PDB file of all heavy atoms in Angstrom:
ATOM      1  N   ASN A   1      88.983 160.767 -17.173  1.00  0.00           N
ATOM      2  CA  ASN A   1      88.432 161.956 -16.510  1.00  0.00           C
ATOM      3  C   ASN A   1      87.857 161.663 -15.167  1.00  0.00           C
ATOM      4  O   ASN A   1      88.052 162.485 -14.160  1.00  0.00           O
ATOM      5  CB  ASN A   1      87.249 162.571 -17.382  1.00  0.00           C
ATOM      6  CG  ASN A   1      87.843 163.228 -18.649  1.00  0.00           C
ATOM      7  OD1 ASN A   1      88.981 163.685 -18.710  1.00  0.00           O
ATOM      8  ND2 ASN A   1      87.047 163.304 -19.620  1.00  0.00           N
ATOM      9  N   GLN A   2      87.225 160.472 -14.978  1.00  0.00           N
ATOM     10  CA  GLN A   2      86.733 160.064 -13.674  1.00  0.00           C
ATOM     11  C   GLN A   2      87.863 159.840 -12.678  1.00  0.00           C
ATOM     12  O   GLN A   2      87.756 160.175 -11.589  1.00  0.00           O
ATOM     13  CB  GLN A   2      85.895 158.798 -13.803  1.00  0.00           C
ATOM     14  CG  GLN A   2      84.483 159.106 -14.435  1.00  0.00           C
ATOM     15  CD  GLN A   2      83.655 157.766 -14.451  1.00  0.00           C
ATOM     16  OE1 GLN A   2      83.299 157.259 -13.391  1.00  0.00           O
ATOM     17  NE2 GLN A   2      83.349 157.210 -15.579  1.00  0.00           N
ATOM     18  N   LEU A   3      88.884 159.187 -13.137  1.00  0.00           N
ATOM     19  CA  LEU A   3      90.064 158.956 -12.315  1.00  0.00           C
ATOM     20  C   LEU A   3      90.667 160.244 -11.841  1.00  0.00           C
ATOM     21  O   LEU A   3      91.029 160.437 -10.654  1.00  0.00           O
ATOM     22  CB  LEU A   3      91.117 158.163 -13.078  1.00  0.00           C
ATOM     23  CG  LEU A   3      90.747 156.654 -13.384  1.00  0.00           C
ATOM     24  CD1 LEU A   3      91.769 156.095 -14.404  1.00  0.00           C
ATOM     25  CD2 LEU A   3      90.698 155.791 -12.103  1.00  0.00           C
ATOM     26  N   LYS A   4      90.738 161.223 -12.778  1.00  0.00           N
ATOM     27  CA  LYS A   4      91.440 162.535 -12.343  1.00  0.00           C
ATOM     28  C   LYS A   4      90.523 163.175 -11.388  1.00  0.00           C
ATOM     29  O   LYS A   4      91.083 163.862 -10.397  1.00  0.00           O
ATOM     30  CB  LYS A   4      91.561 163.388 -13.680  1.00  0.00           C
ATOM     31  CG  LYS A   4      92.694 162.927 -14.578  1.00  0.00           C
ATOM     32  CD  LYS A   4      92.616 163.760 -15.815  1.00  0.00           C
ATOM     33  CE  LYS A   4      93.582 163.175 -16.846  1.00  0.00           C
ATOM     34  NZ  LYS A   4      93.752 163.970 -18.113  1.00  0.00           N
ATOM     35  N   LYS A   5      89.190 163.183 -11.545  1.00  0.00           N
ATOM     36  CA  LYS A   5      88.261 163.880 -10.701  1.00  0.00           C
ATOM     37  C   LYS A   5      88.330 163.292  -9.215  1.00  0.00           C
ATOM     38  O   LYS A   5      88.049 163.902  -8.237  1.00  0.00           O
ATOM     39  CB  LYS A   5      86.938 163.848 -11.233  1.00  0.00           C
ATOM     40  CG  LYS A   5      86.594 164.690 -12.367  1.00  0.00           C
ATOM     41  CD  LYS A   5      85.171 164.583 -12.879  1.00  0.00           C
ATOM     42  CE  LYS A   5      84.922 165.542 -14.113  1.00  0.00           C
ATOM     43  NZ  LYS A   5      83.600 165.253 -14.732  1.00  0.00           N
ATOM     44  N   ASN A   6      88.726 162.053  -9.223  1.00  0.00           N
ATOM     45  CA  ASN A   6      88.801 161.297  -7.895  1.00  0.00           C
ATOM     46  C   ASN A   6      90.156 161.247  -7.310  1.00  0.00           C
ATOM     47  O   ASN A   6      90.465 160.375  -6.450  1.00  0.00           O
ATOM     48  CB  ASN A   6      88.145 159.946  -8.054  1.00  0.00           C
ATOM     49  CG  ASN A   6      86.783 159.981  -8.108  1.00  0.00           C
ATOM     50  OD1 ASN A   6      86.057 159.958  -7.131  1.00  0.00           O
ATOM     51  ND2 ASN A   6      86.174 159.861  -9.340  1.00  0.00           N
ATOM     52  N   GLY A   7      91.132 162.077  -7.837  1.00  0.00           N
ATOM     53  CA  GLY A   7      92.453 162.261  -7.192  1.00  0.00           C
ATOM     54  C   GLY A   7      93.454 161.229  -7.821  1.00  0.00           C
ATOM     55  O   GLY A   7      94.618 161.234  -7.152  1.00  0.00           O
ATOM     56  N   PHE A   8      93.246 160.529  -8.844  1.00  0.00           N
ATOM     57  CA  PHE A   8      94.194 159.727  -9.428  1.00  0.00           C
ATOM     58  C   PHE A   8      94.964 160.391 -10.521  1.00  0.00           C
ATOM     59  O   PHE A   8      94.584 161.264 -11.247  1.00  0.00           O
ATOM     60  CB  PHE A   8      93.462 158.472 -10.235  1.00  0.00           C
ATOM     61  CG  PHE A   8      92.944 157.510  -9.209  1.00  0.00           C
ATOM     62  CD1 PHE A   8      91.771 157.673  -8.614  1.00  0.00           C
ATOM     63  CD2 PHE A   8      93.645 156.303  -8.813  1.00  0.00           C
ATOM     64  CE1 PHE A   8      91.222 156.747  -7.704  1.00  0.00           C
ATOM     65  CE2 PHE A   8      93.172 155.411  -7.919  1.00  0.00           C
ATOM     66  CZ  PHE A   8      91.930 155.567  -7.353  1.00  0.00           C
ATOM     67  N   LYS A   9      96.321 160.106 -10.533  1.00  0.00           N
ATOM     68  CA  LYS A   9      97.268 160.582 -11.563  1.00  0.00           C
ATOM     69  C   LYS A   9      98.053 159.526 -12.142  1.00  0.00           C
ATOM     70  O   LYS A   9      98.252 158.480 -11.584  1.00  0.00           O
ATOM     71  CB  LYS A   9      98.302 161.529 -10.761  1.00  0.00           C
ATOM     72  CG  LYS A   9      97.558 162.859 -10.151  1.00  0.00           C
ATOM     73  CD  LYS A   9      98.588 163.719  -9.617  1.00  0.00           C
ATOM     74  CE  LYS A   9      98.028 164.988  -8.980  1.00  0.00           C
ATOM     75  NZ  LYS A   9      98.954 165.915  -8.349  1.00  0.00           N
ATOM     76  N   TRP A  10      98.362 159.815 -13.506  1.00  0.00           N
ATOM     77  CA  TRP A  10      99.307 158.804 -14.209  1.00  0.00           C
ATOM     78  C   TRP A  10     100.595 158.942 -13.627  1.00  0.00           C
ATOM     79  O   TRP A  10     101.183 159.972 -13.622  1.00  0.00           O
ATOM     80  CB  TRP A  10      99.189 159.063 -15.649  1.00  0.00           C
ATOM     81  CG  TRP A  10     100.135 158.316 -16.477  1.00  0.00           C
ATOM     82  CD1 TRP A  10     101.272 158.720 -17.048  1.00  0.00           C
ATOM     83  CD2 TRP A  10     100.072 156.895 -16.745  1.00  0.00           C
ATOM     84  NE1 TRP A  10     101.844 157.691 -17.619  1.00  0.00           N
ATOM     85  CE2 TRP A  10     101.233 156.488 -17.541  1.00  0.00           C
ATOM     86  CE3 TRP A  10      99.058 155.935 -16.402  1.00  0.00           C
ATOM     87  CZ2 TRP A  10     101.320 155.233 -17.957  1.00  0.00           C
ATOM     88  CZ3 TRP A  10      99.369 154.540 -16.766  1.00  0.00           C
ATOM     89  CH2 TRP A  10     100.471 154.253 -17.637  1.00  0.00           C
ATOM     90  N   SER A  11     101.169 157.774 -13.254  1.00  0.00           N
ATOM     91  CA  SER A  11     102.607 157.633 -12.828  1.00  0.00           C
ATOM     92  C   SER A  11     103.468 157.125 -13.953  1.00  0.00           C
ATOM     93  O   SER A  11     103.307 155.998 -14.407  1.00  0.00           O
ATOM     94  CB  SER A  11     102.717 156.740 -11.598  1.00  0.00           C
ATOM     95  OG  SER A  11     103.995 156.414 -11.214  1.00  0.00           O
ATOM     96  N   ARG A  12     104.307 157.989 -14.493  1.00  0.00           N
ATOM     97  CA  ARG A  12     105.178 157.581 -15.528  1.00  0.00           C
ATOM     98  C   ARG A  12     106.215 156.500 -14.989  1.00  0.00           C
ATOM     99  O   ARG A  12     106.588 155.600 -15.695  1.00  0.00           O
ATOM    100  CB  ARG A  12     105.978 158.791 -16.092  1.00  0.00           C
ATOM    101  CG  ARG A  12     106.866 158.433 -17.240  1.00  0.00           C
ATOM    102  CD  ARG A  12     107.700 159.668 -17.630  1.00  0.00           C
ATOM    103  NE  ARG A  12     107.026 160.756 -17.990  1.00  0.00           N
ATOM    104  CZ  ARG A  12     107.395 162.073 -18.327  1.00  0.00           C
ATOM    105  NH1 ARG A  12     108.744 162.153 -18.419  1.00  0.00           N
ATOM    106  NH2 ARG A  12     106.752 163.009 -18.664  1.00  0.00           N
ATOM    107  N   CYS A  13     106.622 156.729 -13.761  1.00  0.00           N
ATOM    108  CA  CYS A  13     107.594 155.752 -13.279  1.00  0.00           C
ATOM    109  C   CYS A  13     107.095 154.405 -13.075  1.00  0.00           C
ATOM    110  O   CYS A  13     107.673 153.329 -13.406  1.00  0.00           O
ATOM    111  CB  CYS A  13     108.115 156.270 -11.853  1.00  0.00           C
ATOM    112  SG  CYS A  13     108.950 157.816 -11.976  1.00  0.00           S
ATOM    113  N   ASN A  14     105.841 154.302 -12.552  1.00  0.00           N
ATOM    114  CA  ASN A  14     105.216 152.991 -12.236  1.00  0.00           C
ATOM    115  C   ASN A  14     104.308 152.423 -13.395  1.00  0.00           C
ATOM    116  O   ASN A  14     103.759 151.372 -13.308  1.00  0.00           O
ATOM    117  CB  ASN A  14     104.496 152.963 -10.935  1.00  0.00           C
ATOM    118  CG  ASN A  14     105.285 153.326  -9.760  1.00  0.00           C
ATOM    119  OD1 ASN A  14     106.377 152.736  -9.655  1.00  0.00           O
ATOM    120  ND2 ASN A  14     104.769 154.173  -8.863  1.00  0.00           N
ATOM    121  N   GLU A  15     104.014 153.389 -14.395  1.00  0.00           N
ATOM    122  CA  GLU A  15     103.224 153.083 -15.507  1.00  0.00           C
ATOM    123  C   GLU A  15     101.839 152.561 -14.993  1.00  0.00           C
ATOM    124  O   GLU A  15     101.341 151.523 -15.542  1.00  0.00           O
ATOM    125  CB  GLU A  15     103.827 152.061 -16.386  1.00  0.00           C
ATOM    126  CG  GLU A  15     105.226 152.521 -17.103  1.00  0.00           C
ATOM    127  CD  GLU A  15     105.714 151.531 -18.036  1.00  0.00           C
ATOM    128  OE1 GLU A  15     105.343 150.336 -18.003  1.00  0.00           O
ATOM    129  OE2 GLU A  15     106.653 151.968 -18.949  1.00  0.00           O
ATOM    130  N   CYS A  16     101.201 153.404 -14.231  1.00  0.00           N
ATOM    131  CA  CYS A  16      99.817 153.035 -13.793  1.00  0.00           C
ATOM    132  C   CYS A  16      99.119 154.449 -13.281  1.00  0.00           C
ATOM    133  O   CYS A  16      99.834 155.370 -13.186  1.00  0.00           O
ATOM    134  CB  CYS A  16      99.960 151.932 -12.690  1.00  0.00           C
ATOM    135  SG  CYS A  16     100.674 152.720 -11.134  1.00  0.00           S
ATOM    136  N   TRP A  17      97.862 154.202 -13.047  1.00  0.00           N
ATOM    137  CA  TRP A  17      97.175 155.381 -12.421  1.00  0.00           C
ATOM    138  C   TRP A  17      97.108 155.047 -10.957  1.00  0.00           C
ATOM    139  O   TRP A  17      96.893 154.007 -10.443  1.00  0.00           O
ATOM    140  CB  TRP A  17      95.627 155.394 -13.000  1.00  0.00           C
ATOM    141  CG  TRP A  17      95.632 155.875 -14.305  1.00  0.00           C
ATOM    142  CD1 TRP A  17      95.674 155.128 -15.503  1.00  0.00           C
ATOM    143  CD2 TRP A  17      95.351 157.205 -14.708  1.00  0.00           C
ATOM    144  NE1 TRP A  17      95.472 155.918 -16.576  1.00  0.00           N
ATOM    145  CE2 TRP A  17      95.375 157.271 -16.167  1.00  0.00           C
ATOM    146  CE3 TRP A  17      95.143 158.372 -14.103  1.00  0.00           C
ATOM    147  CZ2 TRP A  17      95.042 158.398 -16.876  1.00  0.00           C
ATOM    148  CZ3 TRP A  17      94.942 159.549 -14.763  1.00  0.00           C
ATOM    149  CH2 TRP A  17      94.886 159.565 -16.141  1.00  0.00           C
ATOM    150  N   GLN A  18      97.566 156.135 -10.203  1.00  0.00           N
ATOM    151  CA  GLN A  18      97.607 155.890  -8.791  1.00  0.00           C
ATOM    152  C   GLN A  18      97.166 156.973  -7.910  1.00  0.00           C
ATOM    153  O   GLN A  18      97.090 158.249  -8.420  1.00  0.00           O
ATOM    154  CB  GLN A  18      98.981 155.551  -8.424  1.00  0.00           C
ATOM    155  CG  GLN A  18     100.122 156.593  -8.534  1.00  0.00           C
ATOM    156  CD  GLN A  18     101.488 156.151  -8.224  1.00  0.00           C
ATOM    157  OE1 GLN A  18     101.775 154.929  -8.158  1.00  0.00           O
ATOM    158  NE2 GLN A  18     102.277 157.158  -7.921  1.00  0.00           N
ATOM    159  N   SER A  19      96.823 156.824  -6.708  1.00  0.00           N
ATOM    160  CA  SER A  19      96.399 157.806  -5.753  1.00  0.00           C
ATOM    161  C   SER A  19      96.922 157.348  -4.305  1.00  0.00           C
ATOM    162  O   SER A  19      97.401 156.340  -4.139  1.00  0.00           O
ATOM    163  CB  SER A  19      94.899 158.023  -5.731  1.00  0.00           C
ATOM    164  OG  SER A  19      94.295 156.811  -5.246  1.00  0.00           O
ATOM    165  N   TYR A  20      96.630 158.238  -3.292  1.00  0.00           N
ATOM    166  CA  TYR A  20      96.978 157.850  -2.022  1.00  0.00           C
ATOM    167  C   TYR A  20      96.166 156.605  -1.458  1.00  0.00           C
ATOM    168  O   TYR A  20      94.928 156.555  -1.982  1.00  0.00           O
ATOM    169  CB  TYR A  20      96.869 159.119  -0.982  1.00  0.00           C
ATOM    170  CG  TYR A  20      97.942 160.040  -1.124  1.00  0.00           C
ATOM    171  CD1 TYR A  20      97.614 161.338  -1.685  1.00  0.00           C
ATOM    172  CD2 TYR A  20      99.270 159.814  -0.808  1.00  0.00           C
ATOM    173  CE1 TYR A  20      98.629 162.204  -1.806  1.00  0.00           C
ATOM    174  CE2 TYR A  20     100.255 160.659  -0.915  1.00  0.00           C
ATOM    175  CZ  TYR A  20      99.931 161.965  -1.314  1.00  0.00           C
ATOM    176  OH  TYR A  20     100.983 162.857  -1.492  1.00  0.00           O
ATOM    177  N   LEU A  21      96.659 155.762  -0.762  1.00  0.00           N
ATOM    178  CA  LEU A  21      95.863 154.598  -0.250  1.00  0.00           C
ATOM    179  C   LEU A  21      95.080 154.944   0.883  1.00  0.00           C
ATOM    180  O   LEU A  21      95.454 155.177   1.937  1.00  0.00           O
ATOM    181  CB  LEU A  21      96.950 153.541   0.013  1.00  0.00           C
ATOM    182  CG  LEU A  21      96.405 152.215   0.454  1.00  0.00           C
ATOM    183  CD1 LEU A  21      95.473 151.569  -0.575  1.00  0.00           C
ATOM    184  CD2 LEU A  21      97.528 151.266   0.808  1.00  0.00           C
ATOM    185  N   ASN A  22      93.728 154.983   0.602  1.00  0.00           N
ATOM    186  CA  ASN A  22      92.791 155.122   1.681  1.00  0.00           C
ATOM    187  C   ASN A  22      91.370 154.526   1.240  1.00  0.00           C
ATOM    188  O   ASN A  22      91.250 154.230   0.064  1.00  0.00           O
ATOM    189  CB  ASN A  22      92.663 156.517   2.083  1.00  0.00           C
ATOM    190  CG  ASN A  22      92.220 157.567   0.918  1.00  0.00           C
ATOM    191  OD1 ASN A  22      91.354 157.188   0.255  1.00  0.00           O
ATOM    192  ND2 ASN A  22      92.987 158.613   0.754  1.00  0.00           N
ATOM    193  N   HIS A  23      90.548 154.297   2.246  1.00  0.00           N
ATOM    194  CA  HIS A  23      89.180 153.765   1.844  1.00  0.00           C
ATOM    195  C   HIS A  23      88.428 154.392   0.898  1.00  0.00           C
ATOM    196  O   HIS A  23      87.810 153.844  -0.053  1.00  0.00           O
ATOM    197  CB  HIS A  23      88.414 153.584   3.153  1.00  0.00           C
ATOM    198  CG  HIS A  23      88.952 152.566   4.108  1.00  0.00           C
ATOM    199  ND1 HIS A  23      89.162 151.213   3.904  1.00  0.00           N
ATOM    200  CD2 HIS A  23      89.483 152.803   5.474  1.00  0.00           C
ATOM    201  CE1 HIS A  23      89.674 150.619   4.869  1.00  0.00           C
ATOM    202  NE2 HIS A  23      89.978 151.577   5.821  1.00  0.00           N
ATOM    203  N   ARG A  24      88.356 155.821   0.878  1.00  0.00           N
ATOM    204  CA  ARG A  24      87.611 156.595  -0.118  1.00  0.00           C
ATOM    205  C   ARG A  24      88.189 156.298  -1.493  1.00  0.00           C
ATOM    206  O   ARG A  24      87.380 156.113  -2.434  1.00  0.00           O
ATOM    207  CB  ARG A  24      87.760 158.144   0.253  1.00  0.00           C
ATOM    208  CG  ARG A  24      86.889 158.964  -0.626  1.00  0.00           C
ATOM    209  CD  ARG A  24      87.017 160.359  -0.289  1.00  0.00           C
ATOM    210  NE  ARG A  24      88.368 160.908  -0.614  1.00  0.00           N
ATOM    211  CZ  ARG A  24      88.845 161.345  -1.757  1.00  0.00           C
ATOM    212  NH1 ARG A  24      88.002 161.200  -2.834  1.00  0.00           N
ATOM    213  NH2 ARG A  24      90.001 161.605  -1.925  1.00  0.00           N
ATOM    214  N   ASN A  25      89.471 156.344  -1.709  1.00  0.00           N
ATOM    215  CA  ASN A  25      90.027 156.140  -2.977  1.00  0.00           C
ATOM    216  C   ASN A  25      89.788 154.638  -3.547  1.00  0.00           C
ATOM    217  O   ASN A  25      89.658 154.435  -4.844  1.00  0.00           O
ATOM    218  CB  ASN A  25      91.556 156.539  -2.992  1.00  0.00           C
ATOM    219  CG  ASN A  25      91.748 157.992  -3.011  1.00  0.00           C
ATOM    220  OD1 ASN A  25      90.796 158.781  -3.366  1.00  0.00           O
ATOM    221  ND2 ASN A  25      92.883 158.441  -2.605  1.00  0.00           N
ATOM    222  N   ILE A  26      89.836 153.717  -2.565  1.00  0.00           N
ATOM    223  CA  ILE A  26      89.588 152.228  -3.001  1.00  0.00           C
ATOM    224  C   ILE A  26      88.175 152.057  -3.372  1.00  0.00           C
ATOM    225  O   ILE A  26      87.831 151.528  -4.475  1.00  0.00           O
ATOM    226  CB  ILE A  26      89.860 151.407  -1.750  1.00  0.00           C
ATOM    227  CG1 ILE A  26      91.345 151.363  -1.412  1.00  0.00           C
ATOM    228  CG2 ILE A  26      89.335 149.945  -2.082  1.00  0.00           C
ATOM    229  CD1 ILE A  26      91.752 150.637  -0.195  1.00  0.00           C
TER     230      ILE A  26
END
């Protein structure tokens, strides 16, 4: 839930949680 609230999504292709690469998300 925390990941989703912070813009992360599950990637079926890469089998990981991911978001756009920027300082805020890091």
